[in-house]
Amino acid sequence: MDTEFVGTLEERTARRTLRVFAIDAIGPLTMLGGVIWAIAQPYRLAVLHPHGKGLYDWLGQGPLLVILAGVFFAGVIAPGLVEDMRGAEEQREEKA
């Protein structure tokens, strides 16, 4: 049996702490909030009503910016935070 496979399996089955779960959930919840906002107020999306819209209206669409912020957090910020938290947890376990 390959030890790399076993190591990754152990990482997958390791119990995630509440902090790690919360950090992982912020991005998807933010994206969900943007989608709900877009459904609740579709007139804010210039894509659906393009008549008489300027550049600012195309670049500054609130719901889409919220979704983009959620994608950025989930893809760029959260993985680093989770990795740091897991490293800190491992250091605490080694000291104990």
C-alpha atoms as a PDB file:
ATOM      1  CA  MET A   1       0.000   0.000   0.000  1.00  0.00           C
ATOM      2  CA  ASP A   2       1.358   3.400  -0.949  1.00  0.00           C
ATOM      3  CA  THR A   3       2.068   5.539   2.115  1.00  0.00           C
ATOM      4  CA  GLU A   4       1.203   8.728   0.231  1.00  0.00           C
ATOM      5  CA  PHE A   5      -2.317   7.402  -0.333  1.00  0.00           C
ATOM      6  CA  VAL A   6      -2.672   6.508   3.328  1.00  0.00           C
ATOM      7  CA  GLY A   7      -1.397   9.912   4.370  1.00  0.00           C
ATOM      8  CA  THR A   8      -3.911  11.740   2.214  1.00  0.00           C
ATOM      9  CA  LEU A   9      -6.678   9.429   3.419  1.00  0.00           C
ATOM     10  CA  GLU A  10      -5.822  10.276   7.019  1.00  0.00           C
ATOM     11  CA  GLU A  11      -5.945  13.974   6.185  1.00  0.00           C
ATOM     12  CA  ARG A  12      -9.336  13.554   4.547  1.00  0.00           C
ATOM     13  CA  THR A  13     -10.816  11.645   7.439  1.00  0.00           C
ATOM     14  CA  ALA A  14      -9.347  13.894  10.115  1.00  0.00           C
ATOM     15  CA  ARG A  15     -12.017  15.744  11.998  1.00  0.00           C
ATOM     16  CA  ARG A  16     -12.192  19.399  11.095  1.00  0.00           C
ATOM     17  CA  THR A  17     -12.462  21.875  13.922  1.00  0.00           C
ATOM     18  CA  LEU A  18     -15.242  24.403  14.084  1.00  0.00           C
ATOM     19  CA  ARG A  19     -12.826  27.202  13.177  1.00  0.00           C
ATOM     20  CA  VAL A  20     -11.654  25.430  10.027  1.00  0.00           C
ATOM     21  CA  PHE A  21     -15.243  24.655   9.069  1.00  0.00           C
ATOM     22  CA  ALA A  22     -16.240  28.309   9.583  1.00  0.00           C
ATOM     23  CA  ILE A  23     -13.370  29.598   7.444  1.00  0.00           C
ATOM     24  CA  ASP A  24     -14.204  27.086   4.705  1.00  0.00           C
ATOM     25  CA  ALA A  25     -17.880  28.120   4.826  1.00  0.00           C
ATOM     26  CA  ILE A  26     -17.392  31.903   4.516  1.00  0.00           C
ATOM     27  CA  GLY A  27     -16.685  31.849   0.768  1.00  0.00           C
ATOM     28  CA  PRO A  28     -19.595  29.632  -0.303  1.00  0.00           C
ATOM     29  CA  LEU A  29     -21.993  31.465   2.023  1.00  0.00           C
ATOM     30  CA  THR A  30     -20.905  34.792   0.548  1.00  0.00           C
ATOM     31  CA  MET A  31     -21.481  33.448  -2.960  1.00  0.00           C
ATOM     32  CA  LEU A  32     -24.899  32.159  -1.921  1.00  0.00           C
ATOM     33  CA  GLY A  33     -25.730  35.593  -0.505  1.00  0.00           C
ATOM     34  CA  GLY A  34     -24.831  37.205  -3.825  1.00  0.00           C
ATOM     35  CA  VAL A  35     -27.017  34.751  -5.734  1.00  0.00           C
ATOM     36  CA  ILE A  36     -29.933  35.345  -3.369  1.00  0.00           C
ATOM     37  CA  TRP A  37     -29.440  39.109  -3.726  1.00  0.00           C
ATOM     38  CA  ALA A  38     -29.419  38.782  -7.528  1.00  0.00           C
ATOM     39  CA  ILE A  39     -32.645  36.765  -7.429  1.00  0.00           C
ATOM     40  CA  ALA A  40     -34.321  39.115  -4.958  1.00  0.00           C
ATOM     41  CA  GLN A  41     -33.357  42.289  -6.850  1.00  0.00           C
ATOM     42  CA  PRO A  42     -32.814  41.393 -10.516  1.00  0.00           C
ATOM     43  CA  TYR A  43     -33.078  45.056 -11.575  1.00  0.00           C
ATOM     44  CA  ARG A  44     -29.597  45.590 -10.081  1.00  0.00           C
ATOM     45  CA  LEU A  45     -28.052  43.427 -12.812  1.00  0.00           C
ATOM     46  CA  ALA A  46     -27.247  45.497 -15.903  1.00  0.00           C
ATOM     47  CA  VAL A  47     -26.964  42.282 -17.901  1.00  0.00           C
ATOM     48  CA  LEU A  48     -30.713  41.781 -17.629  1.00  0.00           C
ATOM     49  CA  HIS A  49     -31.629  45.431 -18.393  1.00  0.00           C
ATOM     50  CA  PRO A  50     -28.843  46.886 -20.591  1.00  0.00           C
ATOM     51  CA  HIS A  51     -30.713  49.975 -21.853  1.00  0.00           C
ATOM     52  CA  GLY A  52     -29.015  53.244 -20.907  1.00  0.00           C
ATOM     53  CA  LYS A  53     -26.353  51.684 -18.695  1.00  0.00           C
ATOM     54  CA  GLY A  54     -22.875  53.171 -18.459  1.00  0.00           C
ATOM     55  CA  LEU A  55     -19.489  51.610 -17.717  1.00  0.00           C
ATOM     56  CA  TYR A  56     -19.949  51.969 -13.966  1.00  0.00           C
ATOM     57  CA  ASP A  57     -23.241  50.099 -14.142  1.00  0.00           C
ATOM     58  CA  TRP A  58     -21.522  47.211 -15.926  1.00  0.00           C
ATOM     59  CA  LEU A  59     -18.503  47.068 -13.574  1.00  0.00           C
ATOM     60  CA  GLY A  60     -20.234  47.815 -10.294  1.00  0.00           C
ATOM     61  CA  GLN A  61     -23.043  45.299 -10.173  1.00  0.00           C
ATOM     62  CA  GLY A  62     -23.505  44.594  -6.471  1.00  0.00           C
ATOM     63  CA  PRO A  63     -24.625  40.950  -6.531  1.00  0.00           C
ATOM     64  CA  LEU A  64     -21.910  39.977  -9.003  1.00  0.00           C
ATOM     65  CA  LEU A  65     -19.238  41.735  -6.924  1.00  0.00           C
ATOM     66  CA  VAL A  66     -20.402  39.833  -3.839  1.00  0.00           C
ATOM     67  CA  ILE A  67     -20.200  36.535  -5.729  1.00  0.00           C
ATOM     68  CA  LEU A  68     -16.733  37.478  -6.997  1.00  0.00           C
ATOM     69  CA  ALA A  69     -15.606  38.319  -3.458  1.00  0.00           C
ATOM     70  CA  GLY A  70     -16.829  34.906  -2.288  1.00  0.00           C
ATOM     71  CA  VAL A  71     -14.952  33.144  -5.083  1.00  0.00           C
ATOM     72  CA  PHE A  72     -11.787  35.093  -4.276  1.00  0.00           C
ATOM     73  CA  PHE A  73     -12.035  34.287  -0.567  1.00  0.00           C
ATOM     74  CA  ALA A  74     -12.753  30.599  -1.148  1.00  0.00           C
ATOM     75  CA  GLY A  75     -10.031  30.180  -3.746  1.00  0.00           C
ATOM     76  CA  VAL A  76      -7.230  32.439  -2.510  1.00  0.00           C
ATOM     77  CA  ILE A  77      -7.599  33.416   1.136  1.00  0.00           C
ATOM     78  CA  ALA A  78      -9.314  30.463   2.829  1.00  0.00           C
ATOM     79  CA  PRO A  79      -6.857  27.716   1.776  1.00  0.00           C
ATOM     80  CA  GLY A  80      -3.939  29.610   3.319  1.00  0.00           C
ATOM     81  CA  LEU A  81      -5.837  30.298   6.525  1.00  0.00           C
ATOM     82  CA  VAL A  82      -6.922  26.672   6.842  1.00  0.00           C
ATOM     83  CA  GLU A  83      -3.374  25.456   6.217  1.00  0.00           C
ATOM     84  CA  ASP A  84      -2.027  27.790   8.897  1.00  0.00           C
ATOM     85  CA  MET A  85      -4.700  26.665  11.365  1.00  0.00           C
ATOM     86  CA  ARG A  86      -3.960  22.991  10.750  1.00  0.00           C
ATOM     87  CA  GLY A  87      -0.223  23.647  11.162  1.00  0.00           C
ATOM     88  CA  ALA A  88      -0.876  25.388  14.471  1.00  0.00           C
ATOM     89  CA  GLU A  89      -3.055  22.488  15.624  1.00  0.00           C
ATOM     90  CA  GLU A  90      -0.312  19.990  14.731  1.00  0.00           C
ATOM     91  CA  GLN A  91       2.250  22.021  16.666  1.00  0.00           C
ATOM     92  CA  ARG A  92      -0.030  22.065  19.712  1.00  0.00           C
ATOM     93  CA  GLU A  93      -0.486  18.291  19.454  1.00  0.00           C
ATOM     94  CA  GLU A  94       3.286  17.738  19.220  1.00  0.00           C
ATOM     95  CA  LYS A  95       3.910  19.832  22.340  1.00  0.00           C
ATOM     96  CA  ALA A  96       1.274  17.977  24.348  1.00  0.00           C
END
